[in-house]
C-alpha atoms as a PDB file:
ATOM      1  CA  UNK A   1      34.547 -48.859 -75.232  1.00  0.00           C
ATOM      2  CA  UNK A   2      33.245 -51.996 -73.544  1.00  0.00           C
ATOM      3  CA  UNK A   3      35.423 -51.341 -70.485  1.00  0.00           C
ATOM      4  CA  UNK A   4      34.149 -47.762 -70.292  1.00  0.00           C
ATOM      5  CA  UNK A   5      30.557 -48.969 -70.519  1.00  0.00           C
ATOM      6  CA  UNK A   6      31.162 -51.468 -67.682  1.00  0.00           C
ATOM      7  CA  UNK A   7      32.758 -48.757 -65.548  1.00  0.00           C
ATOM      8  CA  UNK A   8      29.811 -46.417 -66.098  1.00  0.00           C
ATOM      9  CA  UNK A   9      27.354 -49.209 -65.332  1.00  0.00           C
ATOM     10  CA  UNK A  10      29.248 -50.004 -62.125  1.00  0.00           C
ATOM     11  CA  UNK A  11      29.205 -46.329 -61.059  1.00  0.00           C
ATOM     12  CA  UNK A  12      25.476 -46.027 -61.787  1.00  0.00           C
ATOM     13  CA  UNK A  13      24.833 -49.233 -59.850  1.00  0.00           C
ATOM     14  CA  UNK A  14      26.737 -47.985 -56.799  1.00  0.00           C
ATOM     15  CA  UNK A  15      24.923 -44.633 -56.888  1.00  0.00           C
ATOM     16  CA  UNK A  16      21.550 -46.376 -57.134  1.00  0.00           C
ATOM     17  CA  UNK A  17      22.470 -48.727 -54.279  1.00  0.00           C
ATOM     18  CA  UNK A  18      23.449 -45.804 -52.014  1.00  0.00           C
ATOM     19  CA  UNK A  19      20.370 -43.800 -52.949  1.00  0.00           C
ATOM     20  CA  UNK A  20      18.007 -46.649 -52.119  1.00  0.00           C
ATOM     21  CA  UNK A  21      19.807 -47.426 -48.852  1.00  0.00           C
ATOM     22  CA  UNK A  22      19.409 -43.820 -47.716  1.00  0.00           C
ATOM     23  CA  UNK A  23      15.961 -42.890 -49.057  1.00  0.00           C
ATOM     24  CA  UNK A  24      13.828 -46.043 -48.980  1.00  0.00           C
ATOM     25  CA  UNK A  25      11.843 -45.755 -45.731  1.00  0.00           C
ATOM     26  CA  UNK A  26      10.789 -49.043 -44.173  1.00  0.00           C
ATOM     27  CA  UNK A  27       8.119 -49.556 -41.512  1.00  0.00           C
ATOM     28  CA  UNK A  28       8.961 -52.094 -38.813  1.00  0.00           C
ATOM     29  CA  UNK A  29       6.016 -53.381 -36.728  1.00  0.00           C
ATOM     30  CA  UNK A  30       6.296 -55.147 -33.375  1.00  0.00           C
ATOM     31  CA  UNK A  31       3.878 -56.035 -30.591  1.00  0.00           C
ATOM     32  CA  UNK A  32       4.516 -55.590 -26.881  1.00  0.00           C
ATOM     33  CA  UNK A  33       2.511 -57.401 -24.200  1.00  0.00           C
ATOM     34  CA  UNK A  34       2.414 -56.545 -20.520  1.00  0.00           C
ATOM     35  CA  UNK A  35      -0.093 -57.289 -17.762  1.00  0.00           C
ATOM     36  CA  UNK A  36       0.198 -53.666 -16.592  1.00  0.00           C
ATOM     37  CA  UNK A  37      -1.332 -52.372 -19.837  1.00  0.00           C
ATOM     38  CA  UNK A  38      -4.994 -51.453 -19.220  1.00  0.00           C
ATOM     39  CA  UNK A  39      -7.497 -53.254 -21.420  1.00  0.00           C
ATOM     40  CA  UNK A  40      -8.591 -49.894 -22.819  1.00  0.00           C
ATOM     41  CA  UNK A  41      -5.098 -49.623 -24.345  1.00  0.00           C
ATOM     42  CA  UNK A  42      -5.129 -53.029 -25.997  1.00  0.00           C
ATOM     43  CA  UNK A  43      -4.220 -52.367 -29.637  1.00  0.00           C
ATOM     44  CA  UNK A  44      -2.816 -48.888 -28.873  1.00  0.00           C
ATOM     45  CA  UNK A  45      -0.373 -48.062 -31.659  1.00  0.00           C
ATOM     46  CA  UNK A  46       2.839 -46.121 -31.030  1.00  0.00           C
ATOM     47  CA  UNK A  47       4.794 -44.822 -34.030  1.00  0.00           C
ATOM     48  CA  UNK A  48       8.399 -43.802 -33.386  1.00  0.00           C
ATOM     49  CA  UNK A  49      10.497 -41.371 -35.410  1.00  0.00           C
ATOM     50  CA  UNK A  50      14.145 -40.821 -34.524  1.00  0.00           C
ATOM     51  CA  UNK A  51      17.332 -39.166 -35.792  1.00  0.00           C
ATOM     52  CA  UNK A  52      15.906 -37.265 -38.744  1.00  0.00           C
ATOM     53  CA  UNK A  53      19.027 -35.045 -38.777  1.00  0.00           C
ATOM     54  CA  UNK A  54      17.388 -32.524 -41.114  1.00  0.00           C
ATOM     55  CA  UNK A  55      17.082 -35.163 -43.859  1.00  0.00           C
ATOM     56  CA  UNK A  56      14.487 -34.520 -46.569  1.00  0.00           C
ATOM     57  CA  UNK A  57      12.078 -37.180 -47.808  1.00  0.00           C
ATOM     58  CA  UNK A  58      10.052 -35.858 -50.716  1.00  0.00           C
ATOM     59  CA  UNK A  59       8.842 -32.336 -51.355  1.00  0.00           C
ATOM     60  CA  UNK A  60       7.960 -30.707 -48.018  1.00  0.00           C
ATOM     61  CA  UNK A  61       8.608 -34.076 -46.320  1.00  0.00           C
ATOM     62  CA  UNK A  62       5.452 -35.481 -47.953  1.00  0.00           C
ATOM     63  CA  UNK A  63       6.926 -38.969 -48.410  1.00  0.00           C
ATOM     64  CA  UNK A  64       7.787 -39.247 -44.719  1.00  0.00           C
ATOM     65  CA  UNK A  65       4.459 -37.790 -43.560  1.00  0.00           C
ATOM     66  CA  UNK A  66       2.485 -40.204 -45.726  1.00  0.00           C
ATOM     67  CA  UNK A  67       4.506 -43.181 -44.432  1.00  0.00           C
ATOM     68  CA  UNK A  68       3.709 -42.139 -40.859  1.00  0.00           C
ATOM     69  CA  UNK A  69       0.037 -41.682 -41.721  1.00  0.00           C
ATOM     70  CA  UNK A  70      -0.139 -45.247 -43.059  1.00  0.00           C
ATOM     71  CA  UNK A  71       0.968 -46.636 -39.690  1.00  0.00           C
ATOM     72  CA  UNK A  72      -2.370 -45.469 -38.190  1.00  0.00           C
ATOM     73  CA  UNK A  73      -0.797 -44.274 -34.923  1.00  0.00           C
ATOM     74  CA  UNK A  74      -2.541 -43.358 -31.689  1.00  0.00           C
ATOM     75  CA  UNK A  75       0.566 -41.382 -30.700  1.00  0.00           C
ATOM     76  CA  UNK A  76       3.799 -40.401 -32.445  1.00  0.00           C
ATOM     77  CA  UNK A  77       7.066 -40.320 -30.497  1.00  0.00           C
ATOM     78  CA  UNK A  78      10.127 -38.359 -31.669  1.00  0.00           C
ATOM     79  CA  UNK A  79      13.208 -39.560 -29.798  1.00  0.00           C
ATOM     80  CA  UNK A  80      15.772 -36.867 -30.501  1.00  0.00           C
ATOM     81  CA  UNK A  81      18.176 -35.539 -33.134  1.00  0.00           C
ATOM     82  CA  UNK A  82      15.357 -34.006 -35.091  1.00  0.00           C
ATOM     83  CA  UNK A  83      17.999 -31.577 -36.373  1.00  0.00           C
ATOM     84  CA  UNK A  84      21.699 -31.894 -37.161  1.00  0.00           C
ATOM     85  CA  UNK A  85      24.268 -29.682 -35.482  1.00  0.00           C
ATOM     86  CA  UNK A  86      26.529 -29.804 -38.559  1.00  0.00           C
ATOM     87  CA  UNK A  87      23.913 -28.368 -40.955  1.00  0.00           C
ATOM     88  CA  UNK A  88      21.227 -26.841 -38.772  1.00  0.00           C
ATOM     89  CA  UNK A  89      18.011 -26.412 -40.757  1.00  0.00           C
ATOM     90  CA  UNK A  90      15.143 -26.417 -38.272  1.00  0.00           C
ATOM     91  CA  UNK A  91      12.516 -25.456 -40.833  1.00  0.00           C
ATOM     92  CA  UNK A  92      13.251 -28.525 -42.951  1.00  0.00           C
ATOM     93  CA  UNK A  93      12.548 -30.790 -39.965  1.00  0.00           C
ATOM     94  CA  UNK A  94       9.533 -28.758 -38.848  1.00  0.00           C
ATOM     95  CA  UNK A  95       7.882 -29.476 -42.206  1.00  0.00           C
ATOM     96  CA  UNK A  96       7.656 -33.109 -41.136  1.00  0.00           C
ATOM     97  CA  UNK A  97       6.353 -32.290 -37.660  1.00  0.00           C
ATOM     98  CA  UNK A  98       3.608 -30.077 -39.119  1.00  0.00           C
ATOM     99  CA  UNK A  99       2.354 -33.146 -40.924  1.00  0.00           C
ATOM    100  CA  UNK A 100       2.696 -35.404 -37.879  1.00  0.00           C
ATOM    101  CA  UNK A 101       0.531 -33.241 -35.596  1.00  0.00           C
ATOM    102  CA  UNK A 102      -2.333 -33.581 -38.072  1.00  0.00           C
ATOM    103  CA  UNK A 103      -2.160 -37.360 -37.712  1.00  0.00           C
ATOM    104  CA  UNK A 104      -1.912 -37.948 -33.932  1.00  0.00           C
ATOM    105  CA  UNK A 105      -0.612 -36.458 -30.685  1.00  0.00           C
ATOM    106  CA  UNK A 106       3.169 -36.002 -30.900  1.00  0.00           C
ATOM    107  CA  UNK A 107       5.617 -36.361 -27.976  1.00  0.00           C
ATOM    108  CA  UNK A 108       9.238 -35.229 -28.215  1.00  0.00           C
ATOM    109  CA  UNK A 109      12.579 -35.375 -26.421  1.00  0.00           C
ATOM    110  CA  UNK A 110      15.864 -33.859 -27.524  1.00  0.00           C
ATOM    111  CA  UNK A 111      18.990 -35.741 -28.552  1.00  0.00           C
ATOM    112  CA  UNK A 112      22.644 -34.815 -28.366  1.00  0.00           C
ATOM    113  CA  UNK A 113      22.495 -32.746 -31.572  1.00  0.00           C
ATOM    114  CA  UNK A 114      19.874 -30.388 -30.154  1.00  0.00           C
ATOM    115  CA  UNK A 115      22.139 -29.828 -27.160  1.00  0.00           C
ATOM    116  CA  UNK A 116      25.242 -29.433 -29.335  1.00  0.00           C
ATOM    117  CA  UNK A 117      23.694 -26.734 -31.512  1.00  0.00           C
ATOM    118  CA  UNK A 118      22.812 -24.789 -28.321  1.00  0.00           C
ATOM    119  CA  UNK A 119      19.349 -23.804 -29.558  1.00  0.00           C
ATOM    120  CA  UNK A 120      17.165 -26.059 -27.439  1.00  0.00           C
ATOM    121  CA  UNK A 121      14.781 -23.301 -26.346  1.00  0.00           C
ATOM    122  CA  UNK A 122      14.253 -22.218 -29.959  1.00  0.00           C
ATOM    123  CA  UNK A 123      13.394 -25.797 -30.905  1.00  0.00           C
ATOM    124  CA  UNK A 124      11.102 -26.267 -27.898  1.00  0.00           C
ATOM    125  CA  UNK A 125       9.244 -23.031 -28.657  1.00  0.00           C
ATOM    126  CA  UNK A 126       8.727 -23.960 -32.306  1.00  0.00           C
ATOM    127  CA  UNK A 127       7.416 -27.430 -31.459  1.00  0.00           C
ATOM    128  CA  UNK A 128       5.173 -26.258 -28.627  1.00  0.00           C
ATOM    129  CA  UNK A 129       3.699 -23.695 -30.996  1.00  0.00           C
ATOM    130  CA  UNK A 130       2.589 -26.589 -33.210  1.00  0.00           C
ATOM    131  CA  UNK A 131       0.997 -28.454 -30.316  1.00  0.00           C
ATOM    132  CA  UNK A 132       3.781 -30.983 -29.738  1.00  0.00           C
ATOM    133  CA  UNK A 133       4.061 -32.335 -26.183  1.00  0.00           C
ATOM    134  CA  UNK A 134       7.679 -31.729 -25.209  1.00  0.00           C
ATOM    135  CA  UNK A 135       9.019 -33.814 -22.322  1.00  0.00           C
ATOM    136  CA  UNK A 136      12.084 -32.107 -20.782  1.00  0.00           C
ATOM    137  CA  UNK A 137      12.520 -34.507 -17.851  1.00  0.00           C
ATOM    138  CA  UNK A 138       8.753 -34.645 -17.483  1.00  0.00           C
ATOM    139  CA  UNK A 139       5.812 -36.996 -17.884  1.00  0.00           C
ATOM    140  CA  UNK A 140       2.321 -36.763 -19.355  1.00  0.00           C
ATOM    141  CA  UNK A 141      -0.724 -38.968 -18.829  1.00  0.00           C
ATOM    142  CA  UNK A 142      -2.652 -40.458 -21.736  1.00  0.00           C
ATOM    143  CA  UNK A 143      -6.222 -41.428 -20.828  1.00  0.00           C
ATOM    144  CA  UNK A 144      -8.744 -43.769 -22.395  1.00  0.00           C
ATOM    145  CA  UNK A 145     -12.156 -44.541 -20.917  1.00  0.00           C
ATOM    146  CA  UNK A 146     -11.054 -43.772 -17.381  1.00  0.00           C
ATOM    147  CA  UNK A 147      -7.724 -45.629 -17.553  1.00  0.00           C
ATOM    148  CA  UNK A 148      -4.281 -44.118 -18.122  1.00  0.00           C
ATOM    149  CA  UNK A 149      -0.679 -44.796 -19.067  1.00  0.00           C
ATOM    150  CA  UNK A 150       2.298 -42.482 -18.570  1.00  0.00           C
ATOM    151  CA  UNK A 151       4.580 -41.166 -21.297  1.00  0.00           C
ATOM    152  CA  UNK A 152       7.784 -39.776 -19.778  1.00  0.00           C
ATOM    153  CA  UNK A 153      10.839 -38.263 -21.397  1.00  0.00           C
ATOM    154  CA  UNK A 154      14.365 -37.258 -20.476  1.00  0.00           C
ATOM    155  CA  UNK A 155      16.785 -34.876 -22.144  1.00  0.00           C
ATOM    156  CA  UNK A 156      20.175 -35.909 -23.451  1.00  0.00           C
ATOM    157  CA  UNK A 157      23.014 -36.169 -20.869  1.00  0.00           C
ATOM    158  CA  UNK A 158      25.209 -33.996 -23.082  1.00  0.00           C
ATOM    159  CA  UNK A 159      23.449 -31.175 -21.210  1.00  0.00           C
ATOM    160  CA  UNK A 160      25.614 -32.017 -18.187  1.00  0.00           C
ATOM    161  CA  UNK A 161      22.911 -33.681 -16.073  1.00  0.00           C
ATOM    162  CA  UNK A 162      23.288 -37.381 -15.317  1.00  0.00           C
ATOM    163  CA  UNK A 163      20.626 -39.795 -16.517  1.00  0.00           C
ATOM    164  CA  UNK A 164      19.457 -40.901 -13.074  1.00  0.00           C
ATOM    165  CA  UNK A 165      18.861 -37.328 -11.942  1.00  0.00           C
ATOM    166  CA  UNK A 166      16.784 -36.650 -15.055  1.00  0.00           C
ATOM    167  CA  UNK A 167      14.805 -39.857 -14.534  1.00  0.00           C
ATOM    168  CA  UNK A 168      14.111 -38.927 -10.915  1.00  0.00           C
ATOM    169  CA  UNK A 169      12.548 -35.671 -12.085  1.00  0.00           C
ATOM    170  CA  UNK A 170      10.660 -37.189 -15.018  1.00  0.00           C
ATOM    171  CA  UNK A 171       9.106 -39.980 -12.956  1.00  0.00           C
ATOM    172  CA  UNK A 172       8.448 -38.009  -9.781  1.00  0.00           C
ATOM    173  CA  UNK A 173       4.703 -37.616 -10.444  1.00  0.00           C
ATOM    174  CA  UNK A 174       4.099 -41.016 -12.082  1.00  0.00           C
ATOM    175  CA  UNK A 175       2.177 -43.465  -9.858  1.00  0.00           C
ATOM    176  CA  UNK A 176       4.281 -46.509  -9.009  1.00  0.00           C
ATOM    177  CA  UNK A 177       2.118 -49.190 -10.637  1.00  0.00           C
ATOM    178  CA  UNK A 178       1.158 -47.207 -13.743  1.00  0.00           C
ATOM    179  CA  UNK A 179       2.327 -48.600 -17.090  1.00  0.00           C
ATOM    180  CA  UNK A 180       5.086 -46.240 -18.217  1.00  0.00           C
ATOM    181  CA  UNK A 181       6.645 -45.482 -21.596  1.00  0.00           C
ATOM    182  CA  UNK A 182       9.943 -43.588 -21.656  1.00  0.00           C
ATOM    183  CA  UNK A 183      11.443 -41.530 -24.469  1.00  0.00           C
ATOM    184  CA  UNK A 184      15.230 -41.501 -24.038  1.00  0.00           C
ATOM    185  CA  UNK A 185      17.613 -40.796 -26.910  1.00  0.00           C
ATOM    186  CA  UNK A 186      20.545 -42.971 -25.805  1.00  0.00           C
ATOM    187  CA  UNK A 187      20.218 -46.789 -25.822  1.00  0.00           C
ATOM    188  CA  UNK A 188      23.590 -47.302 -24.121  1.00  0.00           C
ATOM    189  CA  UNK A 189      21.922 -46.161 -20.862  1.00  0.00           C
ATOM    190  CA  UNK A 190      19.646 -49.217 -20.934  1.00  0.00           C
ATOM    191  CA  UNK A 191      20.952 -50.532 -17.620  1.00  0.00           C
ATOM    192  CA  UNK A 192      19.812 -47.344 -15.860  1.00  0.00           C
ATOM    193  CA  UNK A 193      16.363 -47.494 -17.467  1.00  0.00           C
ATOM    194  CA  UNK A 194      15.999 -51.108 -16.334  1.00  0.00           C
ATOM    195  CA  UNK A 195      17.167 -50.281 -12.806  1.00  0.00           C
ATOM    196  CA  UNK A 196      14.294 -47.796 -12.602  1.00  0.00           C
ATOM    197  CA  UNK A 197      11.822 -50.521 -13.644  1.00  0.00           C
ATOM    198  CA  UNK A 198      10.479 -48.609 -16.638  1.00  0.00           C
ATOM    199  CA  UNK A 199       8.209 -50.826 -18.693  1.00  0.00           C
ATOM    200  CA  UNK A 200       8.882 -49.775 -22.284  1.00  0.00           C
ATOM    201  CA  UNK A 201      11.655 -47.489 -23.554  1.00  0.00           C
ATOM    202  CA  UNK A 202      11.922 -45.889 -26.994  1.00  0.00           C
ATOM    203  CA  UNK A 203      15.438 -44.900 -28.045  1.00  0.00           C
ATOM    204  CA  UNK A 204      17.507 -44.043 -31.116  1.00  0.00           C
ATOM    205  CA  UNK A 205      20.974 -42.491 -31.476  1.00  0.00           C
ATOM    206  CA  UNK A 206      22.725 -45.630 -32.789  1.00  0.00           C
ATOM    207  CA  UNK A 207      21.603 -45.161 -36.440  1.00  0.00           C
ATOM    208  CA  UNK A 208      21.251 -48.930 -36.665  1.00  0.00           C
ATOM    209  CA  UNK A 209      25.019 -49.202 -36.495  1.00  0.00           C
ATOM    210  CA  UNK A 210      25.252 -47.039 -39.680  1.00  0.00           C
ATOM    211  CA  UNK A 211      26.581 -49.986 -41.716  1.00  0.00           C
ATOM    212  CA  UNK A 212      24.823 -53.293 -41.041  1.00  0.00           C
ATOM    213  CA  UNK A 213      26.717 -56.476 -41.808  1.00  0.00           C
ATOM    214  CA  UNK A 214      24.731 -59.615 -42.705  1.00  0.00           C
ATOM    215  CA  UNK A 215      24.509 -62.070 -39.777  1.00  0.00           C
ATOM    216  CA  UNK A 216      26.500 -59.601 -37.613  1.00  0.00           C
ATOM    217  CA  UNK A 217      24.445 -56.425 -37.205  1.00  0.00           C
ATOM    218  CA  UNK A 218      25.552 -52.832 -36.795  1.00  0.00           C
ATOM    219  CA  UNK A 219      29.191 -51.905 -37.286  1.00  0.00           C
ATOM    220  CA  UNK A 220      29.587 -48.782 -35.141  1.00  0.00           C
ATOM    221  CA  UNK A 221      27.418 -46.523 -32.993  1.00  0.00           C
ATOM    222  CA  UNK A 222      28.060 -43.332 -31.013  1.00  0.00           C
ATOM    223  CA  UNK A 223      28.483 -44.066 -27.334  1.00  0.00           C
ATOM    224  CA  UNK A 224      28.980 -47.786 -28.007  1.00  0.00           C
ATOM    225  CA  UNK A 225      31.891 -47.996 -30.430  1.00  0.00           C
ATOM    226  CA  UNK A 226      32.449 -50.893 -32.828  1.00  0.00           C
ATOM    227  CA  UNK A 227      30.000 -53.809 -32.945  1.00  0.00           C
ATOM    228  CA  UNK A 228      27.550 -52.079 -30.596  1.00  0.00           C
ATOM    229  CA  UNK A 229      25.149 -54.049 -28.437  1.00  0.00           C
ATOM    230  CA  UNK A 230      22.039 -51.922 -29.008  1.00  0.00           C
ATOM    231  CA  UNK A 231      21.316 -50.897 -32.592  1.00  0.00           C
ATOM    232  CA  UNK A 232      17.859 -52.035 -33.719  1.00  0.00           C
ATOM    233  CA  UNK A 233      14.707 -53.653 -32.407  1.00  0.00           C
ATOM    234  CA  UNK A 234      13.668 -54.985 -29.013  1.00  0.00           C
ATOM    235  CA  UNK A 235      16.037 -55.593 -26.094  1.00  0.00           C
ATOM    236  CA  UNK A 236      14.981 -56.891 -22.688  1.00  0.00           C
ATOM    237  CA  UNK A 237      16.659 -56.476 -19.311  1.00  0.00           C
ATOM    238  CA  UNK A 238      14.895 -57.556 -16.109  1.00  0.00           C
ATOM    239  CA  UNK A 239      11.318 -56.243 -16.601  1.00  0.00           C
ATOM    240  CA  UNK A 240      12.239 -53.462 -19.029  1.00  0.00           C
ATOM    241  CA  UNK A 241      11.961 -53.666 -22.821  1.00  0.00           C
ATOM    242  CA  UNK A 242      13.695 -51.139 -25.072  1.00  0.00           C
ATOM    243  CA  UNK A 243      12.918 -50.486 -28.723  1.00  0.00           C
ATOM    244  CA  UNK A 244      15.846 -48.988 -30.630  1.00  0.00           C
ATOM    245  CA  UNK A 245      14.902 -47.190 -33.834  1.00  0.00           C
ATOM    246  CA  UNK A 246      17.475 -47.209 -36.653  1.00  0.00           C
ATOM    247  CA  UNK A 247      16.712 -43.583 -37.479  1.00  0.00           C
ATOM    248  CA  UNK A 248      16.060 -41.762 -40.728  1.00  0.00           C
ATOM    249  CA  UNK A 249      19.028 -39.504 -41.465  1.00  0.00           C
ATOM    250  CA  UNK A 250      22.789 -39.346 -41.212  1.00  0.00           C
ATOM    251  CA  UNK A 251      25.323 -37.237 -39.380  1.00  0.00           C
ATOM    252  CA  UNK A 252      29.065 -37.373 -39.904  1.00  0.00           C
ATOM    253  CA  UNK A 253      29.057 -40.565 -41.980  1.00  0.00           C
ATOM    254  CA  UNK A 254      27.266 -39.662 -45.224  1.00  0.00           C
ATOM    255  CA  UNK A 255      25.741 -43.045 -46.076  1.00  0.00           C
ATOM    256  CA  UNK A 256      23.740 -45.851 -44.508  1.00  0.00           C
ATOM    257  CA  UNK A 257      24.580 -49.289 -45.939  1.00  0.00           C
ATOM    258  CA  UNK A 258      22.253 -52.316 -45.681  1.00  0.00           C
ATOM    259  CA  UNK A 259      20.396 -50.094 -43.222  1.00  0.00           C
ATOM    260  CA  UNK A 260      17.242 -48.498 -44.612  1.00  0.00           C
ATOM    261  CA  UNK A 261      15.750 -45.456 -42.848  1.00  0.00           C
ATOM    262  CA  UNK A 262      13.173 -46.747 -40.374  1.00  0.00           C
ATOM    263  CA  UNK A 263       9.816 -45.884 -38.875  1.00  0.00           C
ATOM    264  CA  UNK A 264       9.062 -48.115 -35.866  1.00  0.00           C
ATOM    265  CA  UNK A 265       5.560 -49.127 -34.808  1.00  0.00           C
ATOM    266  CA  UNK A 266       4.870 -50.861 -31.494  1.00  0.00           C
ATOM    267  CA  UNK A 267       1.346 -52.070 -30.763  1.00  0.00           C
ATOM    268  CA  UNK A 268       0.444 -52.591 -27.104  1.00  0.00           C
ATOM    269  CA  UNK A 269      -1.284 -55.786 -26.016  1.00  0.00           C
ATOM    270  CA  UNK A 270      -3.002 -56.216 -22.683  1.00  0.00           C
ATOM    271  CA  UNK A 271      -2.521 -59.666 -21.157  1.00  0.00           C
END
């Protein structure tokens, strides 16, 4: 009987561990300073959501929406894989977006799963109908007291278009010296983003490495393989900084381990 009790306790402990690792949303806050940031944007707060993969956080996504609300964002960025191509449930993800648009302006780019499910136009139409700013290789200007920054976005290269071509289109109308934020799903393309001298990039896709090993980092990421270079947090190359969000949901691998679902917040600081 004692052995059975220990076995049951061990099973319950493992289940609790996996549940917490996959449902406990953490908020990670960072600051980013750049002399190109206008003073009117000092303290501007950017909240990033990535890789939801149709995951559900509370009834009608209320837990996720409330977490985003608490970050007090000026804008909300969604950097792809809002849905999952293996269990497509657009409505479940749209419940979250309906809450987001009542908090701040929302900007969105697709990830590889939107391309894979071959329903990009359906997703774009649904989001635009809610007032989301979609960025299919395009840029938008955000203005404050006569000053502006650019928010640009590119689609996922699974669509058959190379990253540089998409960047050329997205940045074509952005003034050269304007501070520019880029939404781009894939962090492994960091070298190309840096070559184009983009100031601040928001990316996802890596799921934090899915399993994070203490003192090592992420174990595996799509597009990067084992022990990937870009899985979480800030990375800098030349004059470009990239923030990689660990994501919220899962695809393929059913569990995140030592890798809580993440909401990223980056606050801009003018030098």
